[in-house]
Amino acid sequence: MNSNIYKYMTIYEFIWGIIMARKTVALSLDQDIYEQYQKYCEEYHMILSRKVESLMKKDLEGKRGKS
């Protein structure tokens, strides 16, 4: 790895990398639902994984309010 990698990163990219660690996961989904939702995301210029993440976050926030 290039030891000078940090000079090519913006401060925002560096901070975002520290704050928001990303995790790659594999999911098993109904193929038809997945394809329909993927088209929906493309149509509205959304990133499918970010949309799923947003739905997960909303579920967790709702659960916190019920505790």
C-alpha atoms as a PDB file:
ATOM      1  CA  MET A   1       0.000   0.000   0.000  1.00  0.00           C
ATOM      2  CA  ASN A   2       1.236   3.455  -0.852  1.00  0.00           C
ATOM      3  CA  SER A   3       2.341   5.265   2.293  1.00  0.00           C
ATOM      4  CA  ASN A   4       1.398   8.574   0.663  1.00  0.00           C
ATOM      5  CA  ILE A   5      -2.271   7.587   0.283  1.00  0.00           C
ATOM      6  CA  TYR A   6      -3.410  10.197   2.821  1.00  0.00           C
ATOM      7  CA  LYS A   7      -2.163  13.116   0.756  1.00  0.00           C
ATOM      8  CA  TYR A   8      -4.635  12.108  -1.967  1.00  0.00           C
ATOM      9  CA  MET A   9      -7.604  11.979   0.412  1.00  0.00           C
ATOM     10  CA  THR A  10      -9.630  15.004   1.324  1.00  0.00           C
ATOM     11  CA  ILE A  11     -10.177  15.725   4.994  1.00  0.00           C
ATOM     12  CA  TYR A  12     -13.821  14.764   4.504  1.00  0.00           C
ATOM     13  CA  GLU A  13     -12.900  11.355   3.043  1.00  0.00           C
ATOM     14  CA  PHE A  14     -10.471  10.710   5.885  1.00  0.00           C
ATOM     15  CA  ILE A  15     -12.973  11.647   8.615  1.00  0.00           C
ATOM     16  CA  TRP A  16     -15.852   9.814   6.897  1.00  0.00           C
ATOM     17  CA  GLY A  17     -13.710   6.671   6.750  1.00  0.00           C
ATOM     18  CA  ILE A  18     -13.106   6.835  10.482  1.00  0.00           C
ATOM     19  CA  ILE A  19     -16.697   7.598  11.450  1.00  0.00           C
ATOM     20  CA  MET A  20     -18.503   5.300   9.023  1.00  0.00           C
ATOM     21  CA  ALA A  21     -16.864   1.884   8.833  1.00  0.00           C
ATOM     22  CA  ARG A  22     -18.533  -0.156   6.093  1.00  0.00           C
ATOM     23  CA  LYS A  23     -19.371  -3.861   6.271  1.00  0.00           C
ATOM     24  CA  THR A  24     -19.951  -6.031   3.212  1.00  0.00           C
ATOM     25  CA  VAL A  25     -22.642  -8.668   3.743  1.00  0.00           C
ATOM     26  CA  ALA A  26     -24.372 -11.354   1.696  1.00  0.00           C
ATOM     27  CA  LEU A  27     -28.170 -11.548   1.789  1.00  0.00           C
ATOM     28  CA  SER A  28     -30.571 -14.173   0.529  1.00  0.00           C
ATOM     29  CA  LEU A  29     -33.598 -12.416  -0.992  1.00  0.00           C
ATOM     30  CA  ASP A  30     -36.538 -13.346  -3.154  1.00  0.00           C
ATOM     31  CA  GLN A  31     -35.241 -12.813  -6.678  1.00  0.00           C
ATOM     32  CA  ASP A  32     -38.362 -11.079  -8.012  1.00  0.00           C
ATOM     33  CA  ILE A  33     -38.555  -8.689  -5.050  1.00  0.00           C
ATOM     34  CA  TYR A  34     -34.838  -7.928  -5.329  1.00  0.00           C
ATOM     35  CA  GLU A  35     -35.050  -7.176  -9.060  1.00  0.00           C
ATOM     36  CA  GLN A  36     -38.128  -4.978  -8.632  1.00  0.00           C
ATOM     37  CA  TYR A  37     -36.532  -3.047  -5.783  1.00  0.00           C
ATOM     38  CA  GLN A  38     -33.277  -2.689  -7.678  1.00  0.00           C
ATOM     39  CA  LYS A  39     -35.176  -1.140 -10.612  1.00  0.00           C
ATOM     40  CA  TYR A  40     -37.049   1.126  -8.186  1.00  0.00           C
ATOM     41  CA  CYS A  41     -33.761   2.344  -6.723  1.00  0.00           C
ATOM     42  CA  GLU A  42     -32.274   2.925 -10.169  1.00  0.00           C
ATOM     43  CA  GLU A  43     -35.371   4.848 -11.271  1.00  0.00           C
ATOM     44  CA  TYR A  44     -35.121   7.195  -8.285  1.00  0.00           C
ATOM     45  CA  HIS A  45     -31.295   7.392  -8.337  1.00  0.00           C
ATOM     46  CA  MET A  46     -30.814   5.604  -5.033  1.00  0.00           C
ATOM     47  CA  ILE A  47     -28.083   3.198  -4.026  1.00  0.00           C
ATOM     48  CA  LEU A  48     -29.790  -0.050  -3.082  1.00  0.00           C
ATOM     49  CA  SER A  49     -27.458  -0.844  -0.168  1.00  0.00           C
ATOM     50  CA  ARG A  50     -27.902   2.656   1.295  1.00  0.00           C
ATOM     51  CA  LYS A  51     -31.677   2.297   1.029  1.00  0.00           C
ATOM     52  CA  VAL A  52     -31.574  -1.041   2.863  1.00  0.00           C
ATOM     53  CA  GLU A  53     -29.310   0.557   5.469  1.00  0.00           C
ATOM     54  CA  SER A  54     -31.800   3.398   5.887  1.00  0.00           C
ATOM     55  CA  LEU A  55     -34.679   0.941   6.405  1.00  0.00           C
ATOM     56  CA  MET A  56     -32.631  -0.954   8.999  1.00  0.00           C
ATOM     57  CA  LYS A  57     -31.814   2.294  10.812  1.00  0.00           C
ATOM     58  CA  LYS A  58     -35.499   3.308  10.893  1.00  0.00           C
ATOM     59  CA  ASP A  59     -36.422  -0.080  12.355  1.00  0.00           C
ATOM     60  CA  LEU A  60     -33.788   0.296  15.073  1.00  0.00           C
ATOM     61  CA  GLU A  61     -34.877   3.858  15.887  1.00  0.00           C
ATOM     62  CA  GLY A  62     -38.492   2.700  16.168  1.00  0.00           C
ATOM     63  CA  LYS A  63     -37.456  -0.104  18.491  1.00  0.00           C
ATOM     64  CA  ARG A  64     -35.588   2.328  20.771  1.00  0.00           C
ATOM     65  CA  GLY A  65     -38.706   4.443  21.134  1.00  0.00           C
ATOM     66  CA  LYS A  66     -40.724   1.407  22.324  1.00  0.00           C
ATOM     67  CA  SER A  67     -38.255   0.303  25.016  1.00  0.00           C
END
